[in-house]
Amino acid sequence: NKMEKTIVVKIEDRYPHPMYSKTL
């Protein structure tokens, strides 16, 4: 939040690997 009137937001997207089913 170091900028004036601006924030940086981290958005995570969790999904399974198509072949191995590990959550990425």
mmCIF file of all heavy atoms, coordinates in Angstrom:
data_MODEL
# 
_entry.id   MODEL 
# 
loop_
_atom_site.group_PDB 
_atom_site.id 
_atom_site.type_symbol 
_atom_site.label_atom_id 
_atom_site.label_alt_id 
_atom_site.label_comp_id 
_atom_site.label_asym_id 
_atom_site.label_entity_id 
_atom_site.label_seq_id 
_atom_site.pdbx_PDB_ins_code 
_atom_site.Cartn_x 
_atom_site.Cartn_y 
_atom_site.Cartn_z 
_atom_site.occupancy 
_atom_site.B_iso_or_equiv 
_atom_site.pdbx_formal_charge 
_atom_site.auth_seq_id 
_atom_site.auth_comp_id 
_atom_site.auth_asym_id 
_atom_site.auth_atom_id 
_atom_site.pdbx_PDB_model_num 
ATOM 1   N N   . ASN A 1 1  ? 0.836  -1.201  0.000   1.00 0.00 ? 1  ASN A N   1 
ATOM 2   C CA  . ASN A 1 1  ? 0.000  0.000   0.000   1.00 0.00 ? 1  ASN A CA  1 
ATOM 3   C C   . ASN A 1 1  ? 0.876  1.258   0.000   1.00 0.00 ? 1  ASN A C   1 
ATOM 4   O O   . ASN A 1 1  ? 0.471  2.296   0.499   1.00 0.00 ? 1  ASN A O   1 
ATOM 5   C CB  . ASN A 1 1  ? -0.950 0.004   1.204   1.00 0.00 ? 1  ASN A CB  1 
ATOM 6   C CG  . ASN A 1 1  ? -0.220 0.063   2.521   1.00 0.00 ? 1  ASN A CG  1 
ATOM 7   O OD1 . ASN A 1 1  ? 0.986  -0.150  2.579   1.00 0.00 ? 1  ASN A OD1 1 
ATOM 8   N ND2 . ASN A 1 1  ? -0.926 0.339   3.588   1.00 0.00 ? 1  ASN A ND2 1 
ATOM 9   N N   . LYS A 1 2  ? 2.045  1.166   -0.594  1.00 0.00 ? 2  LYS A N   1 
ATOM 10  C CA  . LYS A 1 2  ? 3.016  2.253   -0.547  1.00 0.00 ? 2  LYS A CA  1 
ATOM 11  C C   . LYS A 1 2  ? 2.726  3.390   -1.528  1.00 0.00 ? 2  LYS A C   1 
ATOM 12  O O   . LYS A 1 2  ? 3.272  4.471   -1.395  1.00 0.00 ? 2  LYS A O   1 
ATOM 13  C CB  . LYS A 1 2  ? 4.420  1.710   -0.781  1.00 0.00 ? 2  LYS A CB  1 
ATOM 14  C CG  . LYS A 1 2  ? 4.862  0.741   0.297   1.00 0.00 ? 2  LYS A CG  1 
ATOM 15  C CD  . LYS A 1 2  ? 6.294  0.357   0.137   1.00 0.00 ? 2  LYS A CD  1 
ATOM 16  C CE  . LYS A 1 2  ? 6.756  -0.697  1.081   1.00 0.00 ? 2  LYS A CE  1 
ATOM 17  N NZ  . LYS A 1 2  ? 6.326  -0.576  2.448   1.00 0.00 ? 2  LYS A NZ  1 
ATOM 18  N N   . MET A 1 3  ? 1.858  3.148   -2.518  1.00 0.00 ? 3  MET A N   1 
ATOM 19  C CA  . MET A 1 3  ? 1.530  4.190   -3.488  1.00 0.00 ? 3  MET A CA  1 
ATOM 20  C C   . MET A 1 3  ? 0.329  4.998   -3.007  1.00 0.00 ? 3  MET A C   1 
ATOM 21  O O   . MET A 1 3  ? -0.446 4.531   -2.171  1.00 0.00 ? 3  MET A O   1 
ATOM 22  C CB  . MET A 1 3  ? 1.230  3.561   -4.854  1.00 0.00 ? 3  MET A CB  1 
ATOM 23  C CG  . MET A 1 3  ? 2.417  2.857   -5.460  1.00 0.00 ? 3  MET A CG  1 
ATOM 24  S SD  . MET A 1 3  ? 1.994  1.891   -6.908  1.00 0.00 ? 3  MET A SD  1 
ATOM 25  C CE  . MET A 1 3  ? 1.483  0.366   -6.154  1.00 0.00 ? 3  MET A CE  1 
ATOM 26  N N   . GLU A 1 4  ? 0.173  6.193   -3.534  1.00 0.00 ? 4  GLU A N   1 
ATOM 27  C CA  . GLU A 1 4  ? -0.965 7.028   -3.165  1.00 0.00 ? 4  GLU A CA  1 
ATOM 28  C C   . GLU A 1 4  ? -2.220 6.530   -3.868  1.00 0.00 ? 4  GLU A C   1 
ATOM 29  O O   . GLU A 1 4  ? -2.248 6.429   -5.095  1.00 0.00 ? 4  GLU A O   1 
ATOM 30  C CB  . GLU A 1 4  ? -0.701 8.483   -3.538  1.00 0.00 ? 4  GLU A CB  1 
ATOM 31  C CG  . GLU A 1 4  ? 0.376  9.135   -2.703  1.00 0.00 ? 4  GLU A CG  1 
ATOM 32  C CD  . GLU A 1 4  ? 0.553  10.600  -3.048  1.00 0.00 ? 4  GLU A CD  1 
ATOM 33  O OE1 . GLU A 1 4  ? -0.330 11.176  -3.706  1.00 0.00 ? 4  GLU A OE1 1 
ATOM 34  O OE2 . GLU A 1 4  ? 1.589  11.151  -2.648  1.00 0.00 ? 4  GLU A OE2 1 
ATOM 35  N N   . LYS A 1 5  ? -3.257 6.217   -3.084  1.00 0.00 ? 5  LYS A N   1 
ATOM 36  C CA  . LYS A 1 5  ? -4.566 5.773   -3.576  1.00 0.00 ? 5  LYS A CA  1 
ATOM 37  C C   . LYS A 1 5  ? -4.494 4.502   -4.416  1.00 0.00 ? 5  LYS A C   1 
ATOM 38  O O   . LYS A 1 5  ? -5.366 4.243   -5.233  1.00 0.00 ? 5  LYS A O   1 
ATOM 39  C CB  . LYS A 1 5  ? -5.269 6.888   -4.351  1.00 0.00 ? 5  LYS A CB  1 
ATOM 40  C CG  . LYS A 1 5  ? -5.575 8.113   -3.513  1.00 0.00 ? 5  LYS A CG  1 
ATOM 41  C CD  . LYS A 1 5  ? -6.427 9.086   -4.262  1.00 0.00 ? 5  LYS A CD  1 
ATOM 42  C CE  . LYS A 1 5  ? -6.745 10.284  -3.377  1.00 0.00 ? 5  LYS A CE  1 
ATOM 43  N NZ  . LYS A 1 5  ? -7.647 11.204  -4.019  1.00 0.00 ? 5  LYS A NZ  1 
ATOM 44  N N   . THR A 1 6  ? -3.442 3.702   -4.239  1.00 0.00 ? 6  THR A N   1 
ATOM 45  C CA  . THR A 1 6  ? -3.276 2.465   -5.000  1.00 0.00 ? 6  THR A CA  1 
ATOM 46  C C   . THR A 1 6  ? -2.789 1.366   -4.075  1.00 0.00 ? 6  THR A C   1 
ATOM 47  O O   . THR A 1 6  ? -1.931 1.598   -3.227  1.00 0.00 ? 6  THR A O   1 
ATOM 48  C CB  . THR A 1 6  ? -2.267 2.657   -6.147  1.00 0.00 ? 6  THR A CB  1 
ATOM 49  O OG1 . THR A 1 6  ? -2.708 3.736   -6.968  1.00 0.00 ? 6  THR A OG1 1 
ATOM 50  C CG2 . THR A 1 6  ? -2.144 1.414   -6.993  1.00 0.00 ? 6  THR A CG2 1 
ATOM 51  N N   . ILE A 1 7  ? -3.340 0.169   -4.238  1.00 0.00 ? 7  ILE A N   1 
ATOM 52  C CA  . ILE A 1 7  ? -2.875 -1.000  -3.502  1.00 0.00 ? 7  ILE A CA  1 
ATOM 53  C C   . ILE A 1 7  ? -2.528 -2.100  -4.500  1.00 0.00 ? 7  ILE A C   1 
ATOM 54  O O   . ILE A 1 7  ? -3.023 -2.107  -5.621  1.00 0.00 ? 7  ILE A O   1 
ATOM 55  C CB  . ILE A 1 7  ? -3.943 -1.511  -2.506  1.00 0.00 ? 7  ILE A CB  1 
ATOM 56  C CG1 . ILE A 1 7  ? -5.262 -1.809  -3.210  1.00 0.00 ? 7  ILE A CG1 1 
ATOM 57  C CG2 . ILE A 1 7  ? -4.116 -0.552  -1.359  1.00 0.00 ? 7  ILE A CG2 1 
ATOM 58  C CD1 . ILE A 1 7  ? -6.341 -2.407  -2.326  1.00 0.00 ? 7  ILE A CD1 1 
ATOM 59  N N   . VAL A 1 8  ? -1.658 -3.009  -4.086  1.00 0.00 ? 8  VAL A N   1 
ATOM 60  C CA  . VAL A 1 8  ? -1.331 -4.182  -4.893  1.00 0.00 ? 8  VAL A CA  1 
ATOM 61  C C   . VAL A 1 8  ? -2.018 -5.362  -4.220  1.00 0.00 ? 8  VAL A C   1 
ATOM 62  O O   . VAL A 1 8  ? -1.808 -5.620  -3.032  1.00 0.00 ? 8  VAL A O   1 
ATOM 63  C CB  . VAL A 1 8  ? 0.186  -4.421  -4.982  1.00 0.00 ? 8  VAL A CB  1 
ATOM 64  C CG1 . VAL A 1 8  ? 0.481  -5.640  -5.833  1.00 0.00 ? 8  VAL A CG1 1 
ATOM 65  C CG2 . VAL A 1 8  ? 0.878  -3.202  -5.563  1.00 0.00 ? 8  VAL A CG2 1 
ATOM 66  N N   . VAL A 1 9  ? -2.866 -6.079  -4.976  1.00 0.00 ? 9  VAL A N   1 
ATOM 67  C CA  . VAL A 1 9  ? -3.647 -7.188  -4.441  1.00 0.00 ? 9  VAL A CA  1 
ATOM 68  C C   . VAL A 1 9  ? -3.175 -8.485  -5.089  1.00 0.00 ? 9  VAL A C   1 
ATOM 69  O O   . VAL A 1 9  ? -3.071 -8.573  -6.307  1.00 0.00 ? 9  VAL A O   1 
ATOM 70  C CB  . VAL A 1 9  ? -5.153 -6.969  -4.709  1.00 0.00 ? 9  VAL A CB  1 
ATOM 71  C CG1 . VAL A 1 9  ? -5.960 -8.135  -4.170  1.00 0.00 ? 9  VAL A CG1 1 
ATOM 72  C CG2 . VAL A 1 9  ? -5.625 -5.666  -4.109  1.00 0.00 ? 9  VAL A CG2 1 
ATOM 73  N N   . LYS A 1 10 ? -2.891 -9.501  -4.246  1.00 0.00 ? 10 LYS A N   1 
ATOM 74  C CA  . LYS A 1 10 ? -2.477 -10.821 -4.714  1.00 0.00 ? 10 LYS A CA  1 
ATOM 75  C C   . LYS A 1 10 ? -3.704 -11.714 -4.737  1.00 0.00 ? 10 LYS A C   1 
ATOM 76  O O   . LYS A 1 10 ? -4.393 -11.879 -3.727  1.00 0.00 ? 10 LYS A O   1 
ATOM 77  C CB  . LYS A 1 10 ? -1.420 -11.397 -3.782  1.00 0.00 ? 10 LYS A CB  1 
ATOM 78  C CG  . LYS A 1 10 ? -0.986 -12.802 -4.125  1.00 0.00 ? 10 LYS A CG  1 
ATOM 79  C CD  . LYS A 1 10 ? 0.061  -13.323 -3.159  1.00 0.00 ? 10 LYS A CD  1 
ATOM 80  C CE  . LYS A 1 10 ? -0.580 -13.613 -1.823  1.00 0.00 ? 10 LYS A CE  1 
ATOM 81  N NZ  . LYS A 1 10 ? 0.311  -14.345 -0.907  1.00 0.00 ? 10 LYS A NZ  1 
ATOM 82  N N   . ILE A 1 11 ? -3.987 -12.298 -5.904  1.00 0.00 ? 11 ILE A N   1 
ATOM 83  C CA  . ILE A 1 11 ? -5.137 -13.181 -6.070  1.00 0.00 ? 11 ILE A CA  1 
ATOM 84  C C   . ILE A 1 11 ? -4.624 -14.571 -6.444  1.00 0.00 ? 11 ILE A C   1 
ATOM 85  O O   . ILE A 1 11 ? -3.854 -14.723 -7.395  1.00 0.00 ? 11 ILE A O   1 
ATOM 86  C CB  . ILE A 1 11 ? -6.104 -12.635 -7.132  1.00 0.00 ? 11 ILE A CB  1 
ATOM 87  C CG1 . ILE A 1 11 ? -6.670 -11.307 -6.665  1.00 0.00 ? 11 ILE A CG1 1 
ATOM 88  C CG2 . ILE A 1 11 ? -7.203 -13.636 -7.432  1.00 0.00 ? 11 ILE A CG2 1 
ATOM 89  C CD1 . ILE A 1 11 ? -7.503 -10.585 -7.682  1.00 0.00 ? 11 ILE A CD1 1 
ATOM 90  N N   . GLU A 1 12 ? -5.034 -15.587 -5.665  1.00 0.00 ? 12 GLU A N   1 
ATOM 91  C CA  . GLU A 1 12 ? -4.595 -16.958 -5.902  1.00 0.00 ? 12 GLU A CA  1 
ATOM 92  C C   . GLU A 1 12 ? -5.709 -17.754 -6.569  1.00 0.00 ? 12 GLU A C   1 
ATOM 93  O O   . GLU A 1 12 ? -6.863 -17.652 -6.182  1.00 0.00 ? 12 GLU A O   1 
ATOM 94  C CB  . GLU A 1 12 ? -4.204 -17.636 -4.589  1.00 0.00 ? 12 GLU A CB  1 
ATOM 95  C CG  . GLU A 1 12 ? -2.946 -17.097 -3.973  1.00 0.00 ? 12 GLU A CG  1 
ATOM 96  C CD  . GLU A 1 12 ? -2.545 -17.837 -2.722  1.00 0.00 ? 12 GLU A CD  1 
ATOM 97  O OE1 . GLU A 1 12 ? -3.363 -18.609 -2.188  1.00 0.00 ? 12 GLU A OE1 1 
ATOM 98  O OE2 . GLU A 1 12 ? -1.407 -17.645 -2.287  1.00 0.00 ? 12 GLU A OE2 1 
ATOM 99  N N   . ASP A 1 13 ? -5.341 -18.545 -7.566  1.00 0.00 ? 13 ASP A N   1 
ATOM 100 C CA  . ASP A 1 13 ? -6.265 -19.426 -8.260  1.00 0.00 ? 13 ASP A CA  1 
ATOM 101 C C   . ASP A 1 13 ? -5.781 -20.856 -8.053  1.00 0.00 ? 13 ASP A C   1 
ATOM 102 O O   . ASP A 1 13 ? -4.689 -21.208 -8.480  1.00 0.00 ? 13 ASP A O   1 
ATOM 103 C CB  . ASP A 1 13 ? -6.326 -19.080 -9.742  1.00 0.00 ? 13 ASP A CB  1 
ATOM 104 C CG  . ASP A 1 13 ? -7.299 -19.947 -10.517 1.00 0.00 ? 13 ASP A CG  1 
ATOM 105 O OD1 . ASP A 1 13 ? -8.288 -20.394 -9.908  1.00 0.00 ? 13 ASP A OD1 1 
ATOM 106 O OD2 . ASP A 1 13 ? -7.068 -20.179 -11.717 1.00 0.00 ? 13 ASP A OD2 1 
ATOM 107 N N   . ARG A 1 14 ? -6.565 -21.685 -7.364  1.00 0.00 ? 14 ARG A N   1 
ATOM 108 C CA  . ARG A 1 14 ? -6.196 -23.086 -7.099  1.00 0.00 ? 14 ARG A CA  1 
ATOM 109 C C   . ARG A 1 14 ? -6.969 -23.990 -8.044  1.00 0.00 ? 14 ARG A C   1 
ATOM 110 O O   . ARG A 1 14 ? -8.177 -23.840 -8.194  1.00 0.00 ? 14 ARG A O   1 
ATOM 111 C CB  . ARG A 1 14 ? -6.505 -23.457 -5.658  1.00 0.00 ? 14 ARG A CB  1 
ATOM 112 C CG  . ARG A 1 14 ? -5.677 -22.689 -4.667  1.00 0.00 ? 14 ARG A CG  1 
ATOM 113 C CD  . ARG A 1 14 ? -6.107 -22.983 -3.237  1.00 0.00 ? 14 ARG A CD  1 
ATOM 114 N NE  . ARG A 1 14 ? -5.333 -22.195 -2.318  1.00 0.00 ? 14 ARG A NE  1 
ATOM 115 C CZ  . ARG A 1 14 ? -4.205 -22.608 -1.737  1.00 0.00 ? 14 ARG A CZ  1 
ATOM 116 N NH1 . ARG A 1 14 ? -3.752 -23.813 -1.991  1.00 0.00 ? 14 ARG A NH1 1 
ATOM 117 N NH2 . ARG A 1 14 ? -3.548 -21.824 -0.917  1.00 0.00 ? 14 ARG A NH2 1 
ATOM 118 N N   . TYR A 1 15 ? -6.260 -24.915 -8.671  1.00 0.00 ? 15 TYR A N   1 
ATOM 119 C CA  . TYR A 1 15 ? -6.899 -25.834 -9.611  1.00 0.00 ? 15 TYR A CA  1 
ATOM 120 C C   . TYR A 1 15 ? -6.105 -27.139 -9.645  1.00 0.00 ? 15 TYR A C   1 
ATOM 121 O O   . TYR A 1 15 ? -4.903 -27.148 -9.391  1.00 0.00 ? 15 TYR A O   1 
ATOM 122 C CB  . TYR A 1 15 ? -6.985 -25.209 -11.010 1.00 0.00 ? 15 TYR A CB  1 
ATOM 123 C CG  . TYR A 1 15 ? -5.645 -24.862 -11.609 1.00 0.00 ? 15 TYR A CG  1 
ATOM 124 C CD1 . TYR A 1 15 ? -5.017 -25.730 -12.486 1.00 0.00 ? 15 TYR A CD1 1 
ATOM 125 C CD2 . TYR A 1 15 ? -4.988 -23.671 -11.289 1.00 0.00 ? 15 TYR A CD2 1 
ATOM 126 C CE1 . TYR A 1 15 ? -3.787 -25.433 -13.031 1.00 0.00 ? 15 TYR A CE1 1 
ATOM 127 C CE2 . TYR A 1 15 ? -3.755 -23.369 -11.821 1.00 0.00 ? 15 TYR A CE2 1 
ATOM 128 C CZ  . TYR A 1 15 ? -3.160 -24.250 -12.698 1.00 0.00 ? 15 TYR A CZ  1 
ATOM 129 O OH  . TYR A 1 15 ? -1.935 -23.956 -13.226 1.00 0.00 ? 15 TYR A OH  1 
ATOM 130 N N   . PRO A 1 16 ? -6.754 -28.263 -9.963  1.00 0.00 ? 16 PRO A N   1 
ATOM 131 C CA  . PRO A 1 16 ? -6.033 -29.537 -10.028 1.00 0.00 ? 16 PRO A CA  1 
ATOM 132 C C   . PRO A 1 16 ? -5.304 -29.698 -11.361 1.00 0.00 ? 16 PRO A C   1 
ATOM 133 O O   . PRO A 1 16 ? -5.792 -29.260 -12.403 1.00 0.00 ? 16 PRO A O   1 
ATOM 134 C CB  . PRO A 1 16 ? -7.144 -30.583 -9.888  1.00 0.00 ? 16 PRO A CB  1 
ATOM 135 C CG  . PRO A 1 16 ? -8.349 -29.896 -10.421 1.00 0.00 ? 16 PRO A CG  1 
ATOM 136 C CD  . PRO A 1 16 ? -8.198 -28.445 -10.075 1.00 0.00 ? 16 PRO A CD  1 
ATOM 137 N N   . HIS A 1 17 ? -4.143 -30.349 -11.305 1.00 0.00 ? 17 HIS A N   1 
ATOM 138 C CA  . HIS A 1 17 ? -3.419 -30.664 -12.527 1.00 0.00 ? 17 HIS A CA  1 
ATOM 139 C C   . HIS A 1 17 ? -4.251 -31.660 -13.333 1.00 0.00 ? 17 HIS A C   1 
ATOM 140 O O   . HIS A 1 17 ? -4.816 -32.604 -12.776 1.00 0.00 ? 17 HIS A O   1 
ATOM 141 C CB  . HIS A 1 17 ? -2.056 -31.264 -12.186 1.00 0.00 ? 17 HIS A CB  1 
ATOM 142 C CG  . HIS A 1 17 ? -1.177 -31.426 -13.376 1.00 0.00 ? 17 HIS A CG  1 
ATOM 143 N ND1 . HIS A 1 17 ? -1.287 -32.515 -14.229 1.00 0.00 ? 17 HIS A ND1 1 
ATOM 144 C CD2 . HIS A 1 17 ? -0.182 -30.656 -13.882 1.00 0.00 ? 17 HIS A CD2 1 
ATOM 145 C CE1 . HIS A 1 17 ? -0.395 -32.405 -15.196 1.00 0.00 ? 17 HIS A CE1 1 
ATOM 146 N NE2 . HIS A 1 17 ? 0.295  -31.283 -15.008 1.00 0.00 ? 17 HIS A NE2 1 
ATOM 147 N N   . PRO A 1 18 ? -4.375 -31.470 -14.663 1.00 0.00 ? 18 PRO A N   1 
ATOM 148 C CA  . PRO A 1 18 ? -5.245 -32.327 -15.458 1.00 0.00 ? 18 PRO A CA  1 
ATOM 149 C C   . PRO A 1 18 ? -4.894 -33.823 -15.413 1.00 0.00 ? 18 PRO A C   1 
ATOM 150 O O   . PRO A 1 18 ? -5.775 -34.666 -15.414 1.00 0.00 ? 18 PRO A O   1 
ATOM 151 C CB  . PRO A 1 18 ? -5.089 -31.802 -16.883 1.00 0.00 ? 18 PRO A CB  1 
ATOM 152 C CG  . PRO A 1 18 ? -4.361 -30.533 -16.794 1.00 0.00 ? 18 PRO A CG  1 
ATOM 153 C CD  . PRO A 1 18 ? -3.762 -30.418 -15.452 1.00 0.00 ? 18 PRO A CD  1 
ATOM 154 N N   . MET A 1 19 ? -3.600 -34.149 -15.355 1.00 0.00 ? 19 MET A N   1 
ATOM 155 C CA  . MET A 1 19 ? -3.208 -35.550 -15.379 1.00 0.00 ? 19 MET A CA  1 
ATOM 156 C C   . MET A 1 19 ? -2.911 -36.106 -13.974 1.00 0.00 ? 19 MET A C   1 
ATOM 157 O O   . MET A 1 19 ? -3.317 -37.214 -13.640 1.00 0.00 ? 19 MET A O   1 
ATOM 158 C CB  . MET A 1 19 ? -1.971 -35.744 -16.259 1.00 0.00 ? 19 MET A CB  1 
ATOM 159 C CG  . MET A 1 19 ? -1.526 -37.195 -16.377 1.00 0.00 ? 19 MET A CG  1 
ATOM 160 S SD  . MET A 1 19 ? -0.049 -37.390 -17.350 1.00 0.00 ? 19 MET A SD  1 
ATOM 161 C CE  . MET A 1 19 ? -0.657 -37.045 -18.987 1.00 0.00 ? 19 MET A CE  1 
ATOM 162 N N   . TYR A 1 20 ? -2.214 -35.306 -13.133 1.00 0.00 ? 20 TYR A N   1 
ATOM 163 C CA  . TYR A 1 20 ? -1.707 -35.839 -11.872 1.00 0.00 ? 20 TYR A CA  1 
ATOM 164 C C   . TYR A 1 20 ? -2.583 -35.492 -10.667 1.00 0.00 ? 20 TYR A C   1 
ATOM 165 O O   . TYR A 1 20 ? -2.323 -35.952 -9.566  1.00 0.00 ? 20 TYR A O   1 
ATOM 166 C CB  . TYR A 1 20 ? -0.279 -35.347 -11.641 1.00 0.00 ? 20 TYR A CB  1 
ATOM 167 C CG  . TYR A 1 20 ? 0.633  -35.752 -12.769 1.00 0.00 ? 20 TYR A CG  1 
ATOM 168 C CD1 . TYR A 1 20 ? 1.196  -34.801 -13.598 1.00 0.00 ? 20 TYR A CD1 1 
ATOM 169 C CD2 . TYR A 1 20 ? 0.910  -37.091 -13.011 1.00 0.00 ? 20 TYR A CD2 1 
ATOM 170 C CE1 . TYR A 1 20 ? 2.022  -35.172 -14.652 1.00 0.00 ? 20 TYR A CE1 1 
ATOM 171 C CE2 . TYR A 1 20 ? 1.725  -37.466 -14.051 1.00 0.00 ? 20 TYR A CE2 1 
ATOM 172 C CZ  . TYR A 1 20 ? 2.281  -36.500 -14.869 1.00 0.00 ? 20 TYR A CZ  1 
ATOM 173 O OH  . TYR A 1 20 ? 3.087  -36.884 -15.905 1.00 0.00 ? 20 TYR A OH  1 
ATOM 174 N N   . SER A 1 21 ? -3.587 -34.651 -10.833 1.00 0.00 ? 21 SER A N   1 
ATOM 175 C CA  . SER A 1 21 ? -4.542 -34.274 -9.787  1.00 0.00 ? 21 SER A CA  1 
ATOM 176 C C   . SER A 1 21 ? -3.926 -33.534 -8.604  1.00 0.00 ? 21 SER A C   1 
ATOM 177 O O   . SER A 1 21 ? -4.576 -33.374 -7.587  1.00 0.00 ? 21 SER A O   1 
ATOM 178 C CB  . SER A 1 21 ? -5.305 -35.493 -9.267  1.00 0.00 ? 21 SER A CB  1 
ATOM 179 O OG  . SER A 1 21 ? -6.021 -36.080 -10.321 1.00 0.00 ? 21 SER A OG  1 
ATOM 180 N N   . LYS A 1 22 ? -2.673 -33.114 -8.714  1.00 0.00 ? 22 LYS A N   1 
ATOM 181 C CA  . LYS A 1 22 ? -2.077 -32.295 -7.665  1.00 0.00 ? 22 LYS A CA  1 
ATOM 182 C C   . LYS A 1 22 ? -2.674 -30.898 -7.744  1.00 0.00 ? 22 LYS A C   1 
ATOM 183 O O   . LYS A 1 22 ? -2.900 -30.364 -8.833  1.00 0.00 ? 22 LYS A O   1 
ATOM 184 C CB  . LYS A 1 22 ? -0.564 -32.219 -7.849  1.00 0.00 ? 22 LYS A CB  1 
ATOM 185 C CG  . LYS A 1 22 ? 0.107  -31.336 -6.831  1.00 0.00 ? 22 LYS A CG  1 
ATOM 186 C CD  . LYS A 1 22 ? 1.594  -31.246 -7.050  1.00 0.00 ? 22 LYS A CD  1 
ATOM 187 C CE  . LYS A 1 22 ? 2.208  -30.300 -6.040  1.00 0.00 ? 22 LYS A CE  1 
ATOM 188 N NZ  . LYS A 1 22 ? 3.652  -30.216 -6.163  1.00 0.00 ? 22 LYS A NZ  1 
ATOM 189 N N   . THR A 1 23 ? -2.944 -30.285 -6.591  1.00 0.00 ? 23 THR A N   1 
ATOM 190 C CA  . THR A 1 23 ? -3.490 -28.940 -6.567  1.00 0.00 ? 23 THR A CA  1 
ATOM 191 C C   . THR A 1 23 ? -2.376 -27.938 -6.862  1.00 0.00 ? 23 THR A C   1 
ATOM 192 O O   . THR A 1 23 ? -1.359 -27.903 -6.158  1.00 0.00 ? 23 THR A O   1 
ATOM 193 C CB  . THR A 1 23 ? -4.122 -28.630 -5.200  1.00 0.00 ? 23 THR A CB  1 
ATOM 194 O OG1 . THR A 1 23 ? -5.151 -29.581 -4.961  1.00 0.00 ? 23 THR A OG1 1 
ATOM 195 C CG2 . THR A 1 23 ? -4.718 -27.234 -5.187  1.00 0.00 ? 23 THR A CG2 1 
ATOM 196 N N   . LEU A 1 24 ? -2.570 -27.139 -7.890  1.00 0.00 ? 24 LEU A N   1 
ATOM 197 C CA  . LEU A 1 24 ? -1.608 -26.115 -8.272  1.00 0.00 ? 24 LEU A CA  1 
ATOM 198 C C   . LEU A 1 24 ? -2.154 -24.751 -7.878  1.00 0.00 ? 24 LEU A C   1 
ATOM 199 O O   . LEU A 1 24 ? -3.367 -24.547 -7.850  1.00 0.00 ? 24 LEU A O   1 
ATOM 200 C CB  . LEU A 1 24 ? -1.360 -26.152 -9.778  1.00 0.00 ? 24 LEU A CB  1 
ATOM 201 C CG  . LEU A 1 24 ? -0.825 -27.468 -10.332 1.00 0.00 ? 24 LEU A CG  1 
ATOM 202 C CD1 . LEU A 1 24 ? -0.764 -27.406 -11.843 1.00 0.00 ? 24 LEU A CD1 1 
ATOM 203 C CD2 . LEU A 1 24 ? 0.529  -27.771 -9.754  1.00 0.00 ? 24 LEU A CD2 1 
# 
